[in-house]
N, C-alpha and C. Protein backbone atom coordinates (compact mmCIF):
# COMPACT_ATOMS: atom_id res chain seq x y z
N UNK A 1 -0.16 1.92 23.33
CA UNK A 1 -1.53 2.56 22.93
C UNK A 1 -1.59 2.43 21.50
N UNK A 2 -0.87 1.98 20.57
CA UNK A 2 -0.97 1.22 19.22
C UNK A 2 -1.52 0.37 19.43
N UNK A 3 -1.16 -0.95 20.41
CA UNK A 3 -1.70 -1.83 20.60
C UNK A 3 -3.13 -1.96 20.97
N UNK A 4 -3.49 -1.00 21.53
CA UNK A 4 -4.71 -0.82 22.31
C UNK A 4 -5.86 -0.48 21.46
N UNK A 5 -5.08 0.83 20.37
CA UNK A 5 -5.98 1.06 19.51
C UNK A 5 -6.63 0.09 18.30
N UNK A 6 -5.67 -0.60 18.10
CA UNK A 6 -5.73 -1.63 16.98
C UNK A 6 -6.99 -2.88 17.50
N UNK A 7 -6.68 -3.01 18.70
CA UNK A 7 -7.25 -4.31 19.68
C UNK A 7 -9.05 -3.80 19.42
N UNK A 8 -9.18 -2.30 19.86
CA UNK A 8 -10.52 -1.47 19.85
C UNK A 8 -10.75 -1.14 18.59
N UNK A 9 -9.97 -1.41 17.43
CA UNK A 9 -10.71 -1.16 16.08
C UNK A 9 -11.19 -2.47 15.18
N UNK A 10 -10.42 -3.42 16.16
CA UNK A 10 -10.99 -5.06 15.73
C UNK A 10 -12.02 -5.39 16.00
N UNK A 11 -11.85 -5.19 17.16
CA UNK A 11 -13.39 -5.54 17.94
C UNK A 11 -14.68 -5.04 17.26
N UNK A 12 -14.53 -3.56 16.87
CA UNK A 12 -15.73 -2.98 15.98
C UNK A 12 -15.65 -2.67 14.74
N UNK A 13 -14.95 -4.55 14.03
CA UNK A 13 -14.87 -4.06 12.78
C UNK A 13 -14.04 -3.29 12.41
N UNK A 14 -13.30 -2.33 12.65
CA UNK A 14 -12.84 -1.24 12.18
C UNK A 14 -11.37 -1.41 11.21
N UNK A 15 -11.05 -1.16 9.79
CA UNK A 15 -9.57 -1.68 9.62
C UNK A 15 -8.92 -0.38 10.03
N UNK A 16 -7.52 -1.26 10.62
CA UNK A 16 -6.75 -0.74 10.95
C UNK A 16 -5.44 -0.37 10.03
N UNK A 17 -4.75 0.77 9.30
CA UNK A 17 -4.07 0.73 8.21
C UNK A 17 -2.36 1.48 8.86
N UNK A 18 -1.11 0.85 8.77
CA UNK A 18 -0.25 1.45 9.02
C UNK A 18 0.65 1.91 7.46
N UNK A 19 1.59 3.21 7.89
CA UNK A 19 2.20 3.16 7.06
C UNK A 19 3.39 3.42 7.96
N UNK A 20 4.43 2.62 8.18
CA UNK A 20 5.71 2.55 8.83
C UNK A 20 6.40 3.34 8.57
N UNK A 21 7.44 3.91 9.53
CA UNK A 21 8.70 4.15 9.42
C UNK A 21 9.54 3.21 9.97
N UNK A 22 11.21 4.14 10.04
CA UNK A 22 12.28 2.95 10.11
C UNK A 22 12.17 2.49 11.40
N UNK A 23 12.20 3.60 12.30
CA UNK A 23 11.95 3.48 13.61
C UNK A 23 11.42 2.52 14.14
N UNK A 24 9.60 2.40 14.01
CA UNK A 24 8.79 1.79 14.75
C UNK A 24 8.70 0.74 14.08
N UNK A 25 8.85 0.31 12.61
CA UNK A 25 8.87 -0.59 11.83
C UNK A 25 8.10 -1.91 11.83
N UNK A 26 8.34 -2.44 12.86
CA UNK A 26 7.85 -3.90 13.63
C UNK A 26 7.00 -3.78 14.81
N UNK A 27 6.65 -2.41 15.14
CA UNK A 27 5.95 -2.61 16.27
C UNK A 27 4.38 -2.43 16.11
N UNK A 28 3.57 -3.01 15.02
CA UNK A 28 2.41 -2.83 14.61
C UNK A 28 1.88 -3.77 14.20
N UNK A 29 1.35 -4.61 15.81
CA UNK A 29 0.95 -6.17 15.44
C UNK A 29 -0.27 -6.17 15.05
N UNK A 30 -1.28 -6.78 14.52
CA UNK A 30 -2.67 -7.59 14.01
C UNK A 30 -3.08 -6.24 13.15
N UNK A 31 -2.45 -5.36 12.65
CA UNK A 31 -3.70 -4.03 11.83
C UNK A 31 -3.77 -5.16 10.33
N UNK A 32 -4.86 -4.72 9.87
CA UNK A 32 -5.77 -4.73 8.55
C UNK A 32 -4.66 -4.60 7.41
N UNK A 33 -4.04 -3.55 7.27
CA UNK A 33 -3.13 -3.14 6.04
C UNK A 33 -1.57 -2.82 6.65
N UNK A 34 -0.70 -3.06 6.00
CA UNK A 34 0.78 -2.45 6.60
C UNK A 34 1.41 -2.23 5.15
N UNK A 35 1.44 -1.13 5.07
CA UNK A 35 2.20 -0.66 3.61
C UNK A 35 3.40 -0.24 3.85
N UNK A 36 4.55 -0.64 3.77
CA UNK A 36 5.36 -0.46 3.11
C UNK A 36 5.78 0.07 1.93
N UNK A 37 7.16 1.46 1.97
CA UNK A 37 7.55 0.95 0.36
C UNK A 37 9.03 0.34 0.32
N UNK A 38 9.57 0.07 -0.87
CA UNK A 38 10.46 -1.02 -0.59
C UNK A 38 11.72 -0.56 0.00
N UNK A 39 12.41 0.30 0.16
CA UNK A 39 13.11 1.27 1.15
C UNK A 39 13.39 0.56 2.52
N UNK A 40 11.88 0.96 3.04
CA UNK A 40 11.22 0.56 4.61
C UNK A 40 11.13 -0.57 4.72
N UNK A 41 11.04 -1.76 3.84
CA UNK A 41 10.58 -2.94 3.68
C UNK A 41 12.14 -3.64 4.01
N UNK A 42 13.01 -3.11 3.40
CA UNK A 42 14.02 -3.46 3.18
C UNK A 42 14.71 -3.18 4.28
N UNK A 43 14.94 -2.14 4.70
CA UNK A 43 15.06 -1.73 6.10
C UNK A 43 14.99 -2.32 7.13
N UNK A 44 13.63 -2.82 7.18
CA UNK A 44 13.19 -2.87 8.53
C UNK A 44 13.26 -5.02 8.38
N UNK A 45 13.03 -5.34 7.15
CA UNK A 45 13.31 -6.86 7.74
C UNK A 45 14.87 -7.02 7.34
N UNK A 46 16.20 -6.02 6.61
CA UNK A 46 17.25 -6.14 6.86
C UNK A 46 17.25 -7.37 5.63
N UNK A 47 16.77 -6.88 4.36
CA UNK A 47 16.98 -7.32 3.27
C UNK A 47 17.48 -6.81 1.98
N UNK A 48 17.50 -7.74 1.12
CA UNK A 48 17.64 -6.59 -0.63
C UNK A 48 16.80 -7.19 -1.50
N UNK A 49 16.22 -6.13 -1.57
CA UNK A 49 15.18 -6.66 -3.13
C UNK A 49 15.63 -6.07 -4.52
N UNK A 50 16.94 -6.60 -5.02
CA UNK A 50 17.13 -5.91 -6.00
C UNK A 50 16.15 -6.56 -7.10
N UNK A 51 16.04 -7.55 -7.12
CA UNK A 51 14.51 -8.08 -8.06
C UNK A 51 13.25 -7.85 -7.42
N UNK A 52 12.66 -7.21 -7.61
CA UNK A 52 11.19 -7.34 -7.26
C UNK A 52 9.99 -7.61 -7.52
N UNK A 53 10.61 -8.94 -8.11
CA UNK A 53 9.61 -9.82 -8.90
C UNK A 53 8.95 -10.65 -7.69
N UNK A 54 7.73 -11.11 -7.89
CA UNK A 54 6.42 -11.58 -7.23
C UNK A 54 7.11 -13.28 -5.89
N UNK A 55 7.87 -13.81 -6.83
CA UNK A 55 8.55 -14.80 -5.54
C UNK A 55 9.09 -14.12 -4.38
N UNK A 56 10.13 -13.06 -4.87
CA UNK A 56 10.73 -12.35 -3.98
C UNK A 56 10.32 -11.46 -2.93
N UNK A 57 8.76 -10.91 -3.45
CA UNK A 57 7.55 -9.96 -2.39
C UNK A 57 6.81 -10.91 -1.62
N UNK A 58 6.70 -11.78 -1.92
CA UNK A 58 5.79 -13.19 -1.45
C UNK A 58 6.80 -13.48 -0.42
N UNK A 59 7.91 -13.82 -0.65
CA UNK A 59 9.08 -14.24 0.53
C UNK A 59 9.13 -12.91 1.56
N UNK A 60 8.95 -12.26 1.05
CA UNK A 60 8.99 -11.13 2.19
C UNK A 60 7.84 -10.89 2.75
N UNK A 61 7.15 -10.70 1.82
CA UNK A 61 5.35 -10.85 3.03
C UNK A 61 5.18 -11.74 3.68
N UNK A 62 5.54 -12.97 3.20
CA UNK A 62 5.49 -14.05 4.47
C UNK A 62 6.60 -13.81 5.77
N UNK A 63 7.57 -13.26 5.57
CA UNK A 63 8.40 -13.08 6.58
C UNK A 63 8.07 -12.32 7.19
N UNK A 64 7.26 -10.84 7.18
CA UNK A 64 6.48 -9.78 7.13
C UNK A 64 5.48 -10.36 8.66
N UNK A 65 4.56 -11.20 7.66
CA UNK A 65 3.37 -11.61 7.94
C UNK A 65 3.46 -12.34 9.73
N UNK A 66 4.58 -13.15 9.68
CA UNK A 66 5.30 -14.24 10.20
C UNK A 66 5.05 -12.99 11.62
N UNK A 67 5.70 -12.11 11.46
CA UNK A 67 6.37 -11.31 12.87
C UNK A 67 4.55 -10.43 13.30
N UNK A 68 4.45 -9.65 12.15
CA UNK A 68 3.32 -8.63 12.55
C UNK A 68 1.89 -9.11 12.45
N UNK A 69 1.45 -10.34 11.83
CA UNK A 69 0.08 -11.20 12.39
C UNK A 69 -0.74 -9.65 11.26
N UNK A 70 -0.53 -9.43 10.12
CA UNK A 70 -1.62 -8.70 10.15
C UNK A 70 -1.98 -9.18 8.18
N UNK A 71 -3.21 -8.69 8.35
CA UNK A 71 -4.11 -9.46 7.03
C UNK A 71 -3.22 -9.12 5.50
N UNK A 72 -3.06 -8.02 5.04
CA UNK A 72 -2.25 -7.52 3.95
C UNK A 72 -1.35 -6.82 4.02
N UNK A 73 -0.53 -7.26 3.02
CA UNK A 73 0.93 -6.13 2.39
C UNK A 73 0.12 -5.31 1.40
N UNK A 74 0.45 -4.11 1.66
CA UNK A 74 0.72 -3.28 -0.14
C UNK A 74 2.24 -2.48 0.37
N UNK A 75 2.96 -2.99 -0.84
CA UNK A 75 4.27 -2.44 -1.05
C UNK A 75 4.14 -1.85 -2.08
N UNK A 76 4.88 -0.67 -1.56
CA UNK A 76 4.62 0.36 -2.92
C UNK A 76 6.32 0.10 -3.80
N UNK A 77 6.61 0.24 -5.33
CA UNK A 77 7.36 0.07 -5.43
C UNK A 77 8.02 0.80 -6.34
N UNK A 78 7.63 2.22 -6.03
CA UNK A 78 8.35 3.18 -6.81
C UNK A 78 7.44 2.99 -8.42
N UNK A 79 8.77 3.24 -9.54
CA UNK A 79 7.77 3.02 -10.88
C UNK A 79 7.80 1.81 -11.07
N UNK A 80 7.93 0.72 -10.30
CA UNK A 80 7.62 -0.93 -10.51
C UNK A 80 6.14 -0.88 -10.43
N UNK A 81 5.42 -0.32 -9.51
CA UNK A 81 4.03 -0.05 -9.06
C UNK A 81 4.25 -0.51 -7.83
N UNK A 82 3.04 -1.21 -7.27
CA UNK A 82 3.03 -1.94 -6.08
C UNK A 82 2.62 -3.51 -5.95
N UNK A 83 2.80 -4.22 -4.74
CA UNK A 83 2.49 -5.61 -4.52
C UNK A 83 1.84 -5.63 -3.53
N UNK A 84 0.44 -6.25 -3.80
CA UNK A 84 -0.32 -6.82 -2.42
C UNK A 84 -0.48 -7.84 -1.90
N UNK A 85 -0.86 -8.71 -1.19
CA UNK A 85 -0.80 -9.55 -0.81
C UNK A 85 -0.93 -10.32 0.68
N UNK A 86 -1.86 -11.32 0.49
CA UNK A 86 -2.56 -12.07 1.90
C UNK A 86 -1.62 -13.20 2.11
N UNK A 87 -2.12 -13.56 3.10
CA UNK A 87 -2.12 -15.06 3.54
C UNK A 87 -2.27 -16.31 1.85
N UNK A 88 -3.14 -16.20 1.35
CA UNK A 88 -3.63 -16.42 0.13
C UNK A 88 -3.16 -16.35 -1.47
N UNK A 89 -3.06 -14.88 -0.90
CA UNK A 89 -2.79 -14.48 -2.49
C UNK A 89 -1.55 -13.54 -2.69
N UNK A 90 -1.09 -12.91 -3.69
CA UNK A 90 -0.20 -12.11 -4.25
C UNK A 90 -0.54 -11.51 -5.43
N UNK A 91 -0.09 -10.84 -5.41
CA UNK A 91 -0.04 -9.96 -7.17
C UNK A 91 0.57 -8.62 -7.04
N UNK A 92 1.33 -8.60 -8.48
CA UNK A 92 2.28 -7.35 -8.42
C UNK A 92 1.56 -6.44 -9.37
N UNK A 93 1.01 -5.29 -9.45
CA UNK A 93 0.49 -4.49 -10.26
C UNK A 93 1.75 -3.36 -10.59
N UNK A 94 1.64 -3.36 -12.03
CA UNK A 94 2.67 -2.28 -12.36
C UNK A 94 2.04 -1.03 -12.44
N UNK A 95 2.92 -0.02 -12.30
CA UNK A 95 2.80 1.05 -12.07
C UNK A 95 2.26 1.88 -13.95
N UNK A 96 1.73 2.74 -13.82
CA UNK A 96 1.45 3.73 -15.35
C UNK A 96 2.26 4.14 -15.73
N UNK A 97 2.82 4.20 -16.53
CA UNK A 97 3.64 5.52 -17.49
C UNK A 97 2.68 7.24 -17.41
N UNK A 98 3.90 7.76 -16.20
CA UNK A 98 3.43 9.14 -16.02
C UNK A 98 4.36 9.96 -16.30
N UNK A 99 4.02 11.31 -16.28
CA UNK A 99 5.12 12.20 -16.15
C UNK A 99 5.32 13.26 -14.51
N UNK A 100 6.30 12.37 -14.38
CA UNK A 100 6.59 12.87 -13.04
C UNK A 100 7.17 13.99 -12.60
N UNK A 101 6.00 14.94 -11.56
CA UNK A 101 7.39 16.17 -11.26
C UNK A 101 7.70 16.17 -9.90
N UNK A 102 7.10 15.37 -9.12
CA UNK A 102 7.56 15.21 -7.74
C UNK A 102 6.53 14.14 -7.03
N UNK A 103 7.41 13.60 -6.26
CA UNK A 103 7.26 12.32 -5.34
C UNK A 103 6.04 12.34 -4.41
N UNK A 104 6.34 13.55 -4.00
CA UNK A 104 6.34 13.78 -2.48
C UNK A 104 4.82 13.54 -2.37
N UNK A 105 4.14 13.23 -0.82
CA UNK A 105 2.68 12.24 -0.93
C UNK A 105 2.50 11.45 -1.58
N UNK A 106 2.86 10.71 -1.96
CA UNK A 106 2.19 9.26 -2.87
C UNK A 106 2.04 8.56 -1.74
N UNK A 107 3.14 8.08 -1.06
CA UNK A 107 2.94 7.25 -0.10
C UNK A 107 1.48 7.54 0.50
N UNK A 108 1.82 8.51 0.97
CA UNK A 108 0.61 9.16 1.62
C UNK A 108 -1.06 8.89 0.85
N UNK A 109 -0.83 9.39 0.03
CA UNK A 109 -1.86 9.14 -1.34
C UNK A 109 -2.16 7.99 -1.23
N UNK A 110 -1.53 6.66 -1.44
CA UNK A 110 -1.47 5.78 -1.43
C UNK A 110 -2.44 5.08 -0.48
N UNK A 111 -1.92 4.74 0.99
CA UNK A 111 -2.64 4.51 2.25
C UNK A 111 -4.07 5.23 2.04
N UNK A 112 -4.34 6.06 2.22
CA UNK A 112 -5.47 6.71 1.92
C UNK A 112 -6.61 6.38 1.46
N UNK A 113 -6.04 6.17 0.08
CA UNK A 113 -6.89 5.69 -0.73
C UNK A 113 -7.23 3.92 -0.91
N UNK A 114 -6.25 3.24 -0.16
CA UNK A 114 -6.42 1.93 0.76
C UNK A 114 -7.30 1.95 1.03
N UNK A 115 -6.91 2.66 2.60
CA UNK A 115 -7.85 2.72 3.40
C UNK A 115 -9.73 3.09 3.32
N UNK A 116 -9.49 3.91 2.17
CA UNK A 116 -11.19 4.34 1.93
C UNK A 116 -11.59 3.03 1.49
N UNK A 117 -10.64 2.49 0.23
CA UNK A 117 -11.14 1.41 -0.36
C UNK A 117 -11.48 -0.07 0.65
N UNK A 118 -10.57 0.15 1.83
CA UNK A 118 -10.98 -1.04 2.72
C UNK A 118 -12.28 -0.66 3.68
N UNK A 119 -12.51 0.75 4.01
CA UNK A 119 -13.93 0.56 4.34
C UNK A 119 -15.01 0.26 3.79
N UNK A 120 -14.85 0.44 2.45
CA UNK A 120 -15.82 0.51 1.45
C UNK A 120 -15.69 -0.88 1.16
N UNK A 121 -14.88 -1.84 1.39
CA UNK A 121 -15.05 -3.50 1.57
C UNK A 121 -15.09 -3.99 0.12
N UNK A 122 -13.86 -3.14 -0.72
CA UNK A 122 -13.49 -2.96 -2.14
C UNK A 122 -12.45 -4.62 -1.82
N UNK A 123 -12.62 -5.39 -3.06
CA UNK A 123 -11.29 -6.42 -3.33
C UNK A 123 -10.71 -5.59 -3.14
N UNK A 124 -9.51 -6.62 -2.68
CA UNK A 124 -8.01 -6.64 -2.62
C UNK A 124 -7.50 -5.45 -3.81
N UNK A 125 -7.65 -6.69 -5.06
CA UNK A 125 -6.93 -6.24 -6.01
C UNK A 125 -7.41 -4.83 -6.55
N UNK A 126 -8.64 -5.11 -6.87
CA UNK A 126 -9.26 -3.63 -7.11
C UNK A 126 -8.42 -2.28 -6.28
N UNK A 127 -8.36 -2.40 -4.80
CA UNK A 127 -8.03 -1.60 -4.00
C UNK A 127 -6.14 -1.63 -4.42
N UNK A 128 -5.73 -2.58 -5.13
CA UNK A 128 -3.81 -2.09 -5.18
C UNK A 128 -4.24 -1.30 -6.52
N UNK A 129 -4.80 -1.61 -7.12
CA UNK A 129 -4.85 -0.71 -8.76
C UNK A 129 -5.54 0.60 -8.30
N UNK A 130 -6.53 1.13 -7.36
CA UNK A 130 -6.78 2.51 -7.47
C UNK A 130 -5.53 3.21 -6.84
N UNK A 131 -5.58 2.53 -5.35
CA UNK A 131 -4.51 3.21 -5.05
C UNK A 131 -2.85 3.44 -5.59
N UNK A 132 -2.61 2.41 -6.80
CA UNK A 132 -1.66 2.65 -7.39
C UNK A 132 -1.59 3.62 -8.15
N UNK A 133 -2.95 3.35 -8.71
CA UNK A 133 -3.31 4.79 -9.64
C UNK A 133 -3.15 6.12 -9.40
N UNK A 134 -3.79 6.66 -8.07
CA UNK A 134 -4.17 7.84 -7.07
C UNK A 134 -2.62 8.06 -6.97
N UNK A 135 -1.31 7.22 -6.28
CA UNK A 135 -0.31 7.87 -5.89
C UNK A 135 0.08 8.28 -7.12
N UNK A 136 0.26 7.95 -8.63
CA UNK A 136 1.03 7.85 -9.93
C UNK A 136 0.09 9.55 -10.27
N UNK A 137 -1.00 9.68 -9.52
CA UNK A 137 -1.54 11.00 -10.24
C UNK A 137 -1.00 12.18 -9.93
N UNK A 138 -0.69 11.88 -8.12
CA UNK A 138 -0.45 13.04 -7.88
C UNK A 138 1.28 13.12 -7.80
N UNK A 139 1.78 12.31 -8.44
CA UNK A 139 3.28 12.37 -8.32
C UNK A 139 3.65 13.72 -9.95
N UNK A 140 2.50 13.66 -10.77
CA UNK A 140 2.06 14.64 -12.14
C UNK A 140 2.03 15.95 -10.53
N UNK A 141 2.23 16.35 -9.92
CA UNK A 141 1.78 18.18 -9.90
C UNK A 141 2.93 18.01 -9.00
N UNK A 142 3.38 19.32 -8.12
CA UNK A 142 4.58 19.47 -7.90
C UNK A 142 4.19 19.75 -6.57
N UNK A 143 4.74 18.88 -5.35
CA UNK A 143 4.71 19.42 -4.03
C UNK A 143 3.75 18.69 -3.81
N UNK A 144 3.30 18.54 -2.64
CA UNK A 144 2.23 17.59 -2.08
C UNK A 144 0.76 17.82 -2.27
N UNK A 145 0.21 17.60 -3.15
CA UNK A 145 -1.12 17.58 -3.29
C UNK A 145 -2.24 16.49 -3.07
N UNK A 146 -3.41 17.17 -2.93
CA UNK A 146 -4.43 16.51 -2.89
C UNK A 146 -5.55 15.55 -4.04
N UNK A 147 -5.51 13.89 -4.03
CA UNK A 147 -6.28 13.71 -5.22
C UNK A 147 -7.32 13.78 -5.74
N UNK A 148 -7.35 14.42 -7.11
CA UNK A 148 -8.33 14.71 -7.75
C UNK A 148 -9.26 13.75 -7.71
N UNK A 149 -10.12 13.94 -7.30
CA UNK A 149 -11.30 12.22 -7.07
C UNK A 149 -11.66 12.32 -8.40
N UNK A 150 -12.35 13.66 -8.95
CA UNK A 150 -12.83 13.50 -10.62
C UNK A 150 -11.77 12.79 -11.11
N UNK A 151 -10.73 13.43 -11.39
CA UNK A 151 -9.40 12.82 -12.23
C UNK A 151 -9.03 11.14 -12.20
N UNK A 152 -9.24 11.24 -10.45
CA UNK A 152 -9.31 9.61 -10.47
C UNK A 152 -10.23 8.83 -10.90
N UNK A 153 -11.31 8.78 -10.97
CA UNK A 153 -12.20 8.57 -11.57
C UNK A 153 -12.42 8.24 -12.89
N UNK A 154 -11.98 9.34 -13.69
CA UNK A 154 -12.02 9.37 -15.12
C UNK A 154 -10.68 8.48 -15.59
N UNK A 155 -9.55 8.28 -14.88
CA UNK A 155 -8.54 7.20 -15.35
C UNK A 155 -8.65 6.37 -14.30
N UNK A 156 -9.54 6.09 -13.77
CA UNK A 156 -9.71 4.26 -13.40
C UNK A 156 -10.86 3.90 -14.89
N UNK A 157 -12.27 4.64 -14.78
CA UNK A 157 -12.64 4.00 -15.98
C UNK A 157 -12.38 4.01 -17.31
N UNK A 158 -11.22 5.12 -17.46
CA UNK A 158 -10.45 4.93 -18.73
C UNK A 158 -9.43 3.07 -18.58
N UNK A 159 -8.66 2.84 -17.87
CA UNK A 159 -7.82 1.95 -17.52
C UNK A 159 -8.58 0.73 -17.52
N UNK A 160 -9.45 0.65 -16.31
CA UNK A 160 -9.90 -0.49 -16.30
C UNK A 160 -11.56 -0.78 -16.31
N UNK A 161 -12.28 0.09 -17.10
CA UNK A 161 -14.00 0.33 -17.53
C UNK A 161 -14.39 0.78 -16.45
N UNK A 162 -15.74 0.30 -16.39
CA UNK A 162 -16.94 0.89 -14.76
C UNK A 162 -16.97 -0.21 -14.34
């Protein structure tokens, strides 16, 4: 089913985004964006990423890309930020200092904002910065909360300009 949905979307120019879980980690071939967190990536590839530097993350992305043939890896690294990579580029984007109350829903926020950015054809670096920022903002609230679009816009302008 997933394979057919991805194929249909690809034919129509619709981006496909996956937030994988351990059980089916490597079952998503040819997607546009693959967004595991660090733990999921380590378990899915059976690797240990003690040092989340750009070289180690790029190597993990390359291994993942060979298996999945996806376009973009967006790896969430908790308080270390996010890593975004394609076959031609890789960037480690640090997290912003936040008063963390609850991390519930952060990954869902990251992938939803990333999917929105993809659908608007936003540059990958901007996609990563905004998604990272959105994930951090929802962590300031207790429980699973929606991202406040006005707060996201204000913070984006404050940090990155217009």
